[in-house]
């Protein structure tokens, strides 16, 4: 297991106000932890003061980045772990791995981030086979470690609905949604025009950020990838400037690709279907009108 310096800061993360408010509480909790639990004596009723968080939402919405930014602002290193780091094909190793992970985080006063948490915290089952017994044993050990831990542990998942209720009552869930148009606008502006970014734009043909932000059903990762891919293409083609059309074409390609993977309809397909339905409705209305006249 490796201790890492956080790579991001909070000013690099564009988040909904509700999430920012939750993060501010976490930060302020750490600032008053000693006063509340030691000086004011609340450690007598809470032996292991912790902050157990659950970041849940679609992939690419900034869960890992936010965890690192949070660790950065409170001055701690971070441990990035996942289901694969804990689960083991050998019976009994999973609980040992979980115990070691939490102990390692406590010894180093580090923020512990565990991705793919739905695989670890899902509902326990009636064990009939060795693998099921091992899974239940691992979940029980995780419950024990969460209770004993005196620090910050962050679980992350794309799917929180399968969590065992025993975990749900012990962790604070924060929902990371795909950005709305206002947040998309801020993301485009941040990734295109940050003071440390020097992308070549044509002053006579400025980038229309409002138009870019009107392209919906995308996440922050999609926008980042669109900016990077467009910049790379521009460099490869030896073009002088990054143009509006370049960015629009690239983000639309990403949207189309996402939709093919998820099976969702693209914006063009939705438009075509909508137009087809409208034509059918108009035809039916015309037939009704003709029958009335007859």
C-alpha atoms as a PDB file:
ATOM      1  CA  UNK A   1       0.000   0.000   0.000  1.00  0.00           C
ATOM      2  CA  UNK A   2       1.337   3.415  -0.954  1.00  0.00           C
ATOM      3  CA  UNK A   3       1.008   6.843   0.636  1.00  0.00           C
ATOM      4  CA  UNK A   4       0.572   9.533  -1.981  1.00  0.00           C
ATOM      5  CA  UNK A   5       0.716  13.293  -2.049  1.00  0.00           C
ATOM      6  CA  UNK A   6      -2.654  14.637  -3.269  1.00  0.00           C
ATOM      7  CA  UNK A   7      -2.418  15.783  -6.879  1.00  0.00           C
ATOM      8  CA  UNK A   8      -5.317  18.228  -6.824  1.00  0.00           C
ATOM      9  CA  UNK A   9      -6.515  21.260  -4.904  1.00  0.00           C
ATOM     10  CA  UNK A  10     -10.087  22.341  -4.223  1.00  0.00           C
ATOM     11  CA  UNK A  11      -9.862  25.269  -6.618  1.00  0.00           C
ATOM     12  CA  UNK A  12      -9.245  22.764  -9.425  1.00  0.00           C
ATOM     13  CA  UNK A  13     -12.530  20.979  -8.741  1.00  0.00           C
ATOM     14  CA  UNK A  14     -15.811  22.383 -10.077  1.00  0.00           C
ATOM     15  CA  UNK A  15     -18.603  21.073  -7.858  1.00  0.00           C
ATOM     16  CA  UNK A  16     -22.232  21.671  -7.011  1.00  0.00           C
ATOM     17  CA  UNK A  17     -22.803  24.029  -4.060  1.00  0.00           C
ATOM     18  CA  UNK A  18     -24.329  21.213  -1.988  1.00  0.00           C
ATOM     19  CA  UNK A  19     -21.167  19.125  -2.315  1.00  0.00           C
ATOM     20  CA  UNK A  20     -18.974  22.124  -1.489  1.00  0.00           C
ATOM     21  CA  UNK A  21     -21.033  22.672   1.666  1.00  0.00           C
ATOM     22  CA  UNK A  22     -20.543  19.045   2.719  1.00  0.00           C
ATOM     23  CA  UNK A  23     -16.798  19.287   2.095  1.00  0.00           C
ATOM     24  CA  UNK A  24     -16.539  22.482   4.115  1.00  0.00           C
ATOM     25  CA  UNK A  25     -18.082  20.641   7.062  1.00  0.00           C
ATOM     26  CA  UNK A  26     -15.459  17.893   6.736  1.00  0.00           C
ATOM     27  CA  UNK A  27     -12.673  20.472   6.664  1.00  0.00           C
ATOM     28  CA  UNK A  28     -14.021  22.409   9.662  1.00  0.00           C
ATOM     29  CA  UNK A  29     -14.604  19.160  11.586  1.00  0.00           C
ATOM     30  CA  UNK A  30     -10.884  18.436  11.346  1.00  0.00           C
ATOM     31  CA  UNK A  31     -10.070  21.944  12.536  1.00  0.00           C
ATOM     32  CA  UNK A  32     -12.134  21.574  15.728  1.00  0.00           C
ATOM     33  CA  UNK A  33     -11.602  17.845  16.291  1.00  0.00           C
ATOM     34  CA  UNK A  34      -9.149  18.282  19.200  1.00  0.00           C
ATOM     35  CA  UNK A  35     -11.275  20.925  20.937  1.00  0.00           C
ATOM     36  CA  UNK A  36     -14.545  18.979  20.722  1.00  0.00           C
ATOM     37  CA  UNK A  37     -13.272  15.496  21.559  1.00  0.00           C
ATOM     38  CA  UNK A  38     -10.297  16.162  23.826  1.00  0.00           C
ATOM     39  CA  UNK A  39     -10.773  19.544  25.499  1.00  0.00           C
ATOM     40  CA  UNK A  40     -14.555  19.246  25.706  1.00  0.00           C
ATOM     41  CA  UNK A  41     -14.417  15.543  26.576  1.00  0.00           C
ATOM     42  CA  UNK A  42     -16.702  14.066  23.910  1.00  0.00           C
ATOM     43  CA  UNK A  43     -14.175  11.287  23.392  1.00  0.00           C
ATOM     44  CA  UNK A  44     -15.870   9.650  26.386  1.00  0.00           C
ATOM     45  CA  UNK A  45     -19.000   9.048  24.322  1.00  0.00           C
ATOM     46  CA  UNK A  46     -17.268   8.644  20.938  1.00  0.00           C
ATOM     47  CA  UNK A  47     -14.048   6.685  21.334  1.00  0.00           C
ATOM     48  CA  UNK A  48     -13.189   6.772  17.626  1.00  0.00           C
ATOM     49  CA  UNK A  49     -14.245  10.111  16.118  1.00  0.00           C
ATOM     50  CA  UNK A  50     -14.245   9.569  12.394  1.00  0.00           C
ATOM     51  CA  UNK A  51     -15.575  10.905   9.148  1.00  0.00           C
ATOM     52  CA  UNK A  52     -16.815   8.064   6.961  1.00  0.00           C
ATOM     53  CA  UNK A  53     -18.004   9.365   3.612  1.00  0.00           C
ATOM     54  CA  UNK A  54     -19.550   7.771   0.568  1.00  0.00           C
ATOM     55  CA  UNK A  55     -19.024   9.538  -2.758  1.00  0.00           C
ATOM     56  CA  UNK A  56     -21.518   8.048  -5.185  1.00  0.00           C
ATOM     57  CA  UNK A  57     -22.495   8.952  -8.724  1.00  0.00           C
ATOM     58  CA  UNK A  58     -21.707   8.402 -12.380  1.00  0.00           C
ATOM     59  CA  UNK A  59     -18.188   7.696 -13.513  1.00  0.00           C
ATOM     60  CA  UNK A  60     -16.211  10.814 -14.368  1.00  0.00           C
ATOM     61  CA  UNK A  61     -18.037  13.164 -12.009  1.00  0.00           C
ATOM     62  CA  UNK A  62     -14.958  13.933  -9.895  1.00  0.00           C
ATOM     63  CA  UNK A  63     -15.151  11.554  -6.925  1.00  0.00           C
ATOM     64  CA  UNK A  64     -11.463  10.575  -6.841  1.00  0.00           C
ATOM     65  CA  UNK A  65     -10.289  14.082  -7.707  1.00  0.00           C
ATOM     66  CA  UNK A  66     -12.408  15.534  -4.907  1.00  0.00           C
ATOM     67  CA  UNK A  67     -11.023  13.023  -2.393  1.00  0.00           C
ATOM     68  CA  UNK A  68      -7.475  14.068  -3.274  1.00  0.00           C
ATOM     69  CA  UNK A  69      -8.379  17.761  -3.117  1.00  0.00           C
ATOM     70  CA  UNK A  70      -9.945  17.229   0.305  1.00  0.00           C
ATOM     71  CA  UNK A  71      -6.809  15.488   1.579  1.00  0.00           C
ATOM     72  CA  UNK A  72      -4.753  18.354   0.196  1.00  0.00           C
ATOM     73  CA  UNK A  73      -6.692  21.106   1.941  1.00  0.00           C
ATOM     74  CA  UNK A  74      -6.478  19.405   5.356  1.00  0.00           C
ATOM     75  CA  UNK A  75      -2.788  18.668   4.885  1.00  0.00           C
ATOM     76  CA  UNK A  76      -2.850  14.865   4.786  1.00  0.00           C
ATOM     77  CA  UNK A  77      -1.491  12.258   2.419  1.00  0.00           C
ATOM     78  CA  UNK A  78      -3.931   9.881   0.739  1.00  0.00           C
ATOM     79  CA  UNK A  79      -4.113   6.133   0.215  1.00  0.00           C
ATOM     80  CA  UNK A  80      -5.887   5.164  -3.015  1.00  0.00           C
ATOM     81  CA  UNK A  81      -7.285   1.645  -2.795  1.00  0.00           C
ATOM     82  CA  UNK A  82      -9.933  -0.366  -4.598  1.00  0.00           C
ATOM     83  CA  UNK A  83     -11.903  -3.570  -4.344  1.00  0.00           C
ATOM     84  CA  UNK A  84      -9.040  -5.453  -6.031  1.00  0.00           C
ATOM     85  CA  UNK A  85      -6.610  -4.349  -3.308  1.00  0.00           C
ATOM     86  CA  UNK A  86      -8.754  -5.865  -0.569  1.00  0.00           C
ATOM     87  CA  UNK A  87     -10.543  -8.844  -2.076  1.00  0.00           C
ATOM     88  CA  UNK A  88      -8.590 -12.061  -2.344  1.00  0.00           C
ATOM     89  CA  UNK A  89      -9.171 -15.422  -3.969  1.00  0.00           C
ATOM     90  CA  UNK A  90      -7.742 -17.009  -0.840  1.00  0.00           C
ATOM     91  CA  UNK A  91     -10.249 -17.541   1.949  1.00  0.00           C
ATOM     92  CA  UNK A  92      -9.426 -15.364   4.945  1.00  0.00           C
ATOM     93  CA  UNK A  93      -7.091 -12.938   3.167  1.00  0.00           C
ATOM     94  CA  UNK A  94      -9.813 -10.370   2.424  1.00  0.00           C
ATOM     95  CA  UNK A  95     -10.467  -9.475   6.091  1.00  0.00           C
ATOM     96  CA  UNK A  96      -6.696  -9.374   6.751  1.00  0.00           C
ATOM     97  CA  UNK A  97      -6.207  -7.000   3.824  1.00  0.00           C
ATOM     98  CA  UNK A  98      -9.004  -4.736   5.052  1.00  0.00           C
ATOM     99  CA  UNK A  99      -7.571  -4.686   8.579  1.00  0.00           C
ATOM    100  CA  UNK A 100      -4.087  -3.857   7.302  1.00  0.00           C
ATOM    101  CA  UNK A 101      -5.434  -1.088   5.063  1.00  0.00           C
ATOM    102  CA  UNK A 102      -7.212   0.728   7.899  1.00  0.00           C
ATOM    103  CA  UNK A 103      -4.288   0.219  10.289  1.00  0.00           C
ATOM    104  CA  UNK A 104      -1.855   1.582   7.695  1.00  0.00           C
ATOM    105  CA  UNK A 105      -4.043   4.663   7.212  1.00  0.00           C
ATOM    106  CA  UNK A 106      -4.295   5.229  10.977  1.00  0.00           C
ATOM    107  CA  UNK A 107      -0.540   4.842  11.543  1.00  0.00           C
ATOM    108  CA  UNK A 108       0.198   7.415   8.854  1.00  0.00           C
ATOM    109  CA  UNK A 109      -2.700   9.757   9.651  1.00  0.00           C
ATOM    110  CA  UNK A 110      -3.746   9.548   6.013  1.00  0.00           C
ATOM    111  CA  UNK A 111      -7.061   9.903   4.222  1.00  0.00           C
ATOM    112  CA  UNK A 112      -8.218   6.467   3.086  1.00  0.00           C
ATOM    113  CA  UNK A 113     -10.018   6.329  -0.277  1.00  0.00           C
ATOM    114  CA  UNK A 114     -11.619   3.038  -1.365  1.00  0.00           C
ATOM    115  CA  UNK A 115     -13.016   2.841  -4.896  1.00  0.00           C
ATOM    116  CA  UNK A 116     -15.513   0.277  -6.266  1.00  0.00           C
ATOM    117  CA  UNK A 117     -17.060   0.176  -2.811  1.00  0.00           C
ATOM    118  CA  UNK A 118     -20.331  -1.369  -3.995  1.00  0.00           C
ATOM    119  CA  UNK A 119     -18.460  -4.662  -4.412  1.00  0.00           C
ATOM    120  CA  UNK A 120     -17.349  -4.481  -0.776  1.00  0.00           C
ATOM    121  CA  UNK A 121     -20.346  -2.981   1.006  1.00  0.00           C
ATOM    122  CA  UNK A 122     -23.225  -4.741  -0.752  1.00  0.00           C
ATOM    123  CA  UNK A 123     -25.859  -6.643   1.184  1.00  0.00           C
ATOM    124  CA  UNK A 124     -24.633  -9.701   3.037  1.00  0.00           C
ATOM    125  CA  UNK A 125     -26.072 -12.998   1.881  1.00  0.00           C
ATOM    126  CA  UNK A 126     -26.965 -16.327   3.442  1.00  0.00           C
ATOM    127  CA  UNK A 127     -23.705 -18.160   3.040  1.00  0.00           C
ATOM    128  CA  UNK A 128     -23.930 -21.561   1.370  1.00  0.00           C
ATOM    129  CA  UNK A 129     -20.554 -21.710  -0.332  1.00  0.00           C
ATOM    130  CA  UNK A 130     -16.988 -20.856   0.580  1.00  0.00           C
ATOM    131  CA  UNK A 131     -16.875 -17.747  -1.631  1.00  0.00           C
ATOM    132  CA  UNK A 132     -20.065 -16.375  -0.073  1.00  0.00           C
ATOM    133  CA  UNK A 133     -18.740 -17.028   3.420  1.00  0.00           C
ATOM    134  CA  UNK A 134     -15.536 -15.186   2.531  1.00  0.00           C
ATOM    135  CA  UNK A 135     -17.537 -12.197   1.192  1.00  0.00           C
ATOM    136  CA  UNK A 136     -19.627 -12.008   4.355  1.00  0.00           C
ATOM    137  CA  UNK A 137     -16.508 -12.290   6.503  1.00  0.00           C
ATOM    138  CA  UNK A 138     -14.915  -9.397   4.607  1.00  0.00           C
ATOM    139  CA  UNK A 139     -17.984  -7.185   5.048  1.00  0.00           C
ATOM    140  CA  UNK A 140     -18.079  -7.942   8.764  1.00  0.00           C
ATOM    141  CA  UNK A 141     -14.416  -6.989   9.087  1.00  0.00           C
ATOM    142  CA  UNK A 142     -15.034  -3.733   7.214  1.00  0.00           C
ATOM    143  CA  UNK A 143     -17.798  -2.860   9.691  1.00  0.00           C
ATOM    144  CA  UNK A 144     -15.398  -3.479  12.571  1.00  0.00           C
ATOM    145  CA  UNK A 145     -12.667  -1.361  10.992  1.00  0.00           C
ATOM    146  CA  UNK A 146     -15.025   1.548  10.241  1.00  0.00           C
ATOM    147  CA  UNK A 147     -16.119   1.551  13.869  1.00  0.00           C
ATOM    148  CA  UNK A 148     -12.512   1.502  15.158  1.00  0.00           C
ATOM    149  CA  UNK A 149     -11.099   4.034  12.706  1.00  0.00           C
ATOM    150  CA  UNK A 150     -10.344   7.576  13.931  1.00  0.00           C
ATOM    151  CA  UNK A 151      -9.787   9.418  10.695  1.00  0.00           C
ATOM    152  CA  UNK A 152     -11.252  10.086   7.275  1.00  0.00           C
ATOM    153  CA  UNK A 153     -12.316   7.193   5.084  1.00  0.00           C
ATOM    154  CA  UNK A 154     -13.996   7.817   1.749  1.00  0.00           C
ATOM    155  CA  UNK A 155     -15.793   5.099  -0.182  1.00  0.00           C
ATOM    156  CA  UNK A 156     -16.640   5.688  -3.840  1.00  0.00           C
ATOM    157  CA  UNK A 157     -19.061   3.917  -6.132  1.00  0.00           C
ATOM    158  CA  UNK A 158     -21.167   4.312  -9.244  1.00  0.00           C
ATOM    159  CA  UNK A 159     -23.893   2.238  -7.582  1.00  0.00           C
ATOM    160  CA  UNK A 160     -24.825   2.718  -3.942  1.00  0.00           C
ATOM    161  CA  UNK A 161     -28.283   1.143  -3.994  1.00  0.00           C
ATOM    162  CA  UNK A 162     -26.921  -2.299  -3.069  1.00  0.00           C
ATOM    163  CA  UNK A 163     -25.172  -1.152   0.090  1.00  0.00           C
ATOM    164  CA  UNK A 164     -25.876  -3.111   3.236  1.00  0.00           C
ATOM    165  CA  UNK A 165     -27.970  -1.039   5.669  1.00  0.00           C
ATOM    166  CA  UNK A 166     -25.330  -1.595   8.333  1.00  0.00           C
ATOM    167  CA  UNK A 167     -22.950   0.477   6.223  1.00  0.00           C
ATOM    168  CA  UNK A 168     -25.520   3.054   5.147  1.00  0.00           C
ATOM    169  CA  UNK A 169     -26.130   4.080   8.769  1.00  0.00           C
ATOM    170  CA  UNK A 170     -22.394   4.504   9.402  1.00  0.00           C
ATOM    171  CA  UNK A 171     -21.390   6.642   6.437  1.00  0.00           C
ATOM    172  CA  UNK A 172     -22.392  10.042   5.088  1.00  0.00           C
ATOM    173  CA  UNK A 173     -23.407   9.779   1.435  1.00  0.00           C
ATOM    174  CA  UNK A 174     -22.661  12.605  -0.984  1.00  0.00           C
ATOM    175  CA  UNK A 175     -24.142  12.412  -4.475  1.00  0.00           C
ATOM    176  CA  UNK A 176     -21.969  13.427  -7.430  1.00  0.00           C
ATOM    177  CA  UNK A 177     -24.280  14.179 -10.342  1.00  0.00           C
ATOM    178  CA  UNK A 178     -23.418  15.028 -13.919  1.00  0.00           C
ATOM    179  CA  UNK A 179     -22.912  18.798 -14.138  1.00  0.00           C
ATOM    180  CA  UNK A 180     -25.765  21.083 -15.147  1.00  0.00           C
ATOM    181  CA  UNK A 181     -25.226  23.756 -17.789  1.00  0.00           C
ATOM    182  CA  UNK A 182     -23.820  26.304 -15.329  1.00  0.00           C
ATOM    183  CA  UNK A 183     -21.264  23.818 -13.975  1.00  0.00           C
ATOM    184  CA  UNK A 184     -20.413  22.694 -17.510  1.00  0.00           C
ATOM    185  CA  UNK A 185     -19.720  26.319 -18.409  1.00  0.00           C
ATOM    186  CA  UNK A 186     -17.385  26.658 -15.419  1.00  0.00           C
ATOM    187  CA  UNK A 187     -15.621  23.416 -16.353  1.00  0.00           C
ATOM    188  CA  UNK A 188     -15.061  24.525 -19.958  1.00  0.00           C
ATOM    189  CA  UNK A 189     -13.749  27.890 -18.784  1.00  0.00           C
ATOM    190  CA  UNK A 190     -11.446  26.292 -16.225  1.00  0.00           C
ATOM    191  CA  UNK A 191      -9.996  23.757 -18.636  1.00  0.00           C
ATOM    192  CA  UNK A 192      -9.628  26.131 -21.563  1.00  0.00           C
ATOM    193  CA  UNK A 193      -8.652  29.437 -19.993  1.00  0.00           C
ATOM    194  CA  UNK A 194      -6.963  28.690 -16.663  1.00  0.00           C
ATOM    195  CA  UNK A 195      -4.040  31.035 -16.040  1.00  0.00           C
ATOM    196  CA  UNK A 196      -1.591  28.126 -16.208  1.00  0.00           C
ATOM    197  CA  UNK A 197      -2.963  26.838 -19.541  1.00  0.00           C
ATOM    198  CA  UNK A 198      -1.698  28.370 -22.800  1.00  0.00           C
ATOM    199  CA  UNK A 199      -3.851  26.947 -25.572  1.00  0.00           C
ATOM    200  CA  UNK A 200      -3.666  28.768 -28.930  1.00  0.00           C
ATOM    201  CA  UNK A 201      -6.940  30.530 -29.740  1.00  0.00           C
ATOM    202  CA  UNK A 202      -7.833  32.892 -32.550  1.00  0.00           C
ATOM    203  CA  UNK A 203      -8.659  36.311 -31.076  1.00  0.00           C
ATOM    204  CA  UNK A 204     -10.791  37.071 -34.134  1.00  0.00           C
ATOM    205  CA  UNK A 205     -12.882  33.923 -33.590  1.00  0.00           C
ATOM    206  CA  UNK A 206     -13.338  33.577 -29.812  1.00  0.00           C
ATOM    207  CA  UNK A 207     -14.532  30.338 -28.272  1.00  0.00           C
ATOM    208  CA  UNK A 208     -18.263  30.344 -27.512  1.00  0.00           C
ATOM    209  CA  UNK A 209     -18.300  28.675 -24.097  1.00  0.00           C
ATOM    210  CA  UNK A 210     -22.070  29.036 -23.758  1.00  0.00           C
ATOM    211  CA  UNK A 211     -22.583  26.951 -26.887  1.00  0.00           C
ATOM    212  CA  UNK A 212     -20.176  24.291 -25.631  1.00  0.00           C
ATOM    213  CA  UNK A 213     -21.898  24.161 -22.246  1.00  0.00           C
ATOM    214  CA  UNK A 214     -25.275  23.608 -23.937  1.00  0.00           C
ATOM    215  CA  UNK A 215     -24.106  20.106 -24.930  1.00  0.00           C
ATOM    216  CA  UNK A 216     -25.578  18.032 -22.111  1.00  0.00           C
ATOM    217  CA  UNK A 217     -25.372  14.530 -20.653  1.00  0.00           C
ATOM    218  CA  UNK A 218     -21.608  14.794 -20.220  1.00  0.00           C
ATOM    219  CA  UNK A 219     -19.379  14.685 -17.153  1.00  0.00           C
ATOM    220  CA  UNK A 220     -16.268  16.583 -16.164  1.00  0.00           C
ATOM    221  CA  UNK A 221     -14.028  13.806 -17.463  1.00  0.00           C
ATOM    222  CA  UNK A 222     -15.682  14.063 -20.888  1.00  0.00           C
ATOM    223  CA  UNK A 223     -14.939  17.792 -21.024  1.00  0.00           C
ATOM    224  CA  UNK A 224     -11.335  17.263 -19.915  1.00  0.00           C
ATOM    225  CA  UNK A 225     -10.851  14.540 -22.523  1.00  0.00           C
ATOM    226  CA  UNK A 226     -12.380  16.747 -25.211  1.00  0.00           C
ATOM    227  CA  UNK A 227      -9.970  19.597 -24.441  1.00  0.00           C
ATOM    228  CA  UNK A 228      -6.940  17.289 -24.421  1.00  0.00           C
ATOM    229  CA  UNK A 229      -7.941  15.393 -27.558  1.00  0.00           C
ATOM    230  CA  UNK A 230      -8.643  18.621 -29.452  1.00  0.00           C
ATOM    231  CA  UNK A 231      -5.289  20.072 -28.407  1.00  0.00           C
ATOM    232  CA  UNK A 232      -3.469  16.901 -29.501  1.00  0.00           C
ATOM    233  CA  UNK A 233      -5.240  16.866 -32.886  1.00  0.00           C
ATOM    234  CA  UNK A 234      -4.416  20.547 -33.389  1.00  0.00           C
ATOM    235  CA  UNK A 235      -0.737  19.891 -32.684  1.00  0.00           C
ATOM    236  CA  UNK A 236      -0.603  16.797 -34.907  1.00  0.00           C
ATOM    237  CA  UNK A 237      -2.238  18.650 -37.816  1.00  0.00           C
ATOM    238  CA  UNK A 238       0.062  21.636 -37.237  1.00  0.00           C
ATOM    239  CA  UNK A 239      -2.909  23.977 -37.115  1.00  0.00           C
ATOM    240  CA  UNK A 240      -2.314  27.455 -35.753  1.00  0.00           C
ATOM    241  CA  UNK A 241      -5.408  27.689 -33.547  1.00  0.00           C
ATOM    242  CA  UNK A 242      -7.877  25.551 -31.639  1.00  0.00           C
ATOM    243  CA  UNK A 243     -11.250  26.452 -33.109  1.00  0.00           C
ATOM    244  CA  UNK A 244     -14.822  26.242 -31.855  1.00  0.00           C
ATOM    245  CA  UNK A 245     -15.676  23.580 -34.416  1.00  0.00           C
ATOM    246  CA  UNK A 246     -12.749  21.438 -33.287  1.00  0.00           C
ATOM    247  CA  UNK A 247     -14.028  21.410 -29.698  1.00  0.00           C
ATOM    248  CA  UNK A 248     -17.652  20.818 -30.718  1.00  0.00           C
ATOM    249  CA  UNK A 249     -16.738  17.936 -33.028  1.00  0.00           C
ATOM    250  CA  UNK A 250     -14.598  16.275 -30.364  1.00  0.00           C
ATOM    251  CA  UNK A 251     -17.118  16.529 -27.520  1.00  0.00           C
ATOM    252  CA  UNK A 252     -19.870  15.266 -29.835  1.00  0.00           C
ATOM    253  CA  UNK A 253     -17.663  12.310 -30.791  1.00  0.00           C
ATOM    254  CA  UNK A 254     -17.234  11.524 -27.082  1.00  0.00           C
ATOM    255  CA  UNK A 255     -20.987  11.762 -26.486  1.00  0.00           C
ATOM    256  CA  UNK A 256     -21.677   9.444 -29.449  1.00  0.00           C
ATOM    257  CA  UNK A 257     -19.079   6.971 -28.170  1.00  0.00           C
ATOM    258  CA  UNK A 258     -20.553   7.031 -24.646  1.00  0.00           C
ATOM    259  CA  UNK A 259     -24.024   6.399 -26.003  1.00  0.00           C
ATOM    260  CA  UNK A 260     -22.872   3.408 -28.045  1.00  0.00           C
ATOM    261  CA  UNK A 261     -21.316   1.837 -24.951  1.00  0.00           C
ATOM    262  CA  UNK A 262     -24.348   2.492 -22.723  1.00  0.00           C
ATOM    263  CA  UNK A 263     -26.899   1.764 -25.423  1.00  0.00           C
ATOM    264  CA  UNK A 264     -28.432   5.221 -25.105  1.00  0.00           C
ATOM    265  CA  UNK A 265     -29.648   7.182 -28.111  1.00  0.00           C
ATOM    266  CA  UNK A 266     -27.466   9.998 -29.382  1.00  0.00           C
ATOM    267  CA  UNK A 267     -28.789  13.553 -29.602  1.00  0.00           C
ATOM    268  CA  UNK A 268     -29.070  13.173 -33.393  1.00  0.00           C
ATOM    269  CA  UNK A 269     -30.986   9.911 -33.058  1.00  0.00           C
ATOM    270  CA  UNK A 270     -33.324  11.422 -30.455  1.00  0.00           C
ATOM    271  CA  UNK A 271     -33.947  14.373 -32.745  1.00  0.00           C
ATOM    272  CA  UNK A 272     -34.665  12.107 -35.721  1.00  0.00           C
ATOM    273  CA  UNK A 273     -37.070   9.978 -33.680  1.00  0.00           C
ATOM    274  CA  UNK A 274     -38.782  13.090 -32.338  1.00  0.00           C
ATOM    275  CA  UNK A 275     -39.214  14.489 -35.844  1.00  0.00           C
ATOM    276  CA  UNK A 276     -40.569  11.143 -37.065  1.00  0.00           C
ATOM    277  CA  UNK A 277     -43.119  11.048 -34.243  1.00  0.00           C
ATOM    278  CA  UNK A 278     -44.186  14.624 -35.022  1.00  0.00           C
ATOM    279  CA  UNK A 279     -44.663  13.726 -38.705  1.00  0.00           C
ATOM    280  CA  UNK A 280     -46.806  10.747 -37.729  1.00  0.00           C
ATOM    281  CA  UNK A 281     -48.900  12.927 -35.422  1.00  0.00           C
ATOM    282  CA  UNK A 282     -49.420  15.495 -38.198  1.00  0.00           C
ATOM    283  CA  UNK A 283     -50.476  12.746 -40.617  1.00  0.00           C
ATOM    284  CA  UNK A 284     -53.017  11.416 -38.123  1.00  0.00           C
ATOM    285  CA  UNK A 285     -54.383  14.917 -37.549  1.00  0.00           C
ATOM    286  CA  UNK A 286     -54.775  15.422 -41.304  1.00  0.00           C
ATOM    287  CA  UNK A 287     -56.642  12.113 -41.641  1.00  0.00           C
ATOM    288  CA  UNK A 288     -58.988  13.089 -38.815  1.00  0.00           C
ATOM    289  CA  UNK A 289     -59.583  16.461 -40.431  1.00  0.00           C
ATOM    290  CA  UNK A 290     -60.393  14.864 -43.804  1.00  0.00           C
ATOM    291  CA  UNK A 291     -62.821  12.398 -42.194  1.00  0.00           C
ATOM    292  CA  UNK A 292     -64.593  15.274 -40.439  1.00  0.00           C
ATOM    293  CA  UNK A 293     -65.006  17.130 -43.728  1.00  0.00           C
ATOM    294  CA  UNK A 294     -66.463  14.038 -45.393  1.00  0.00           C
END
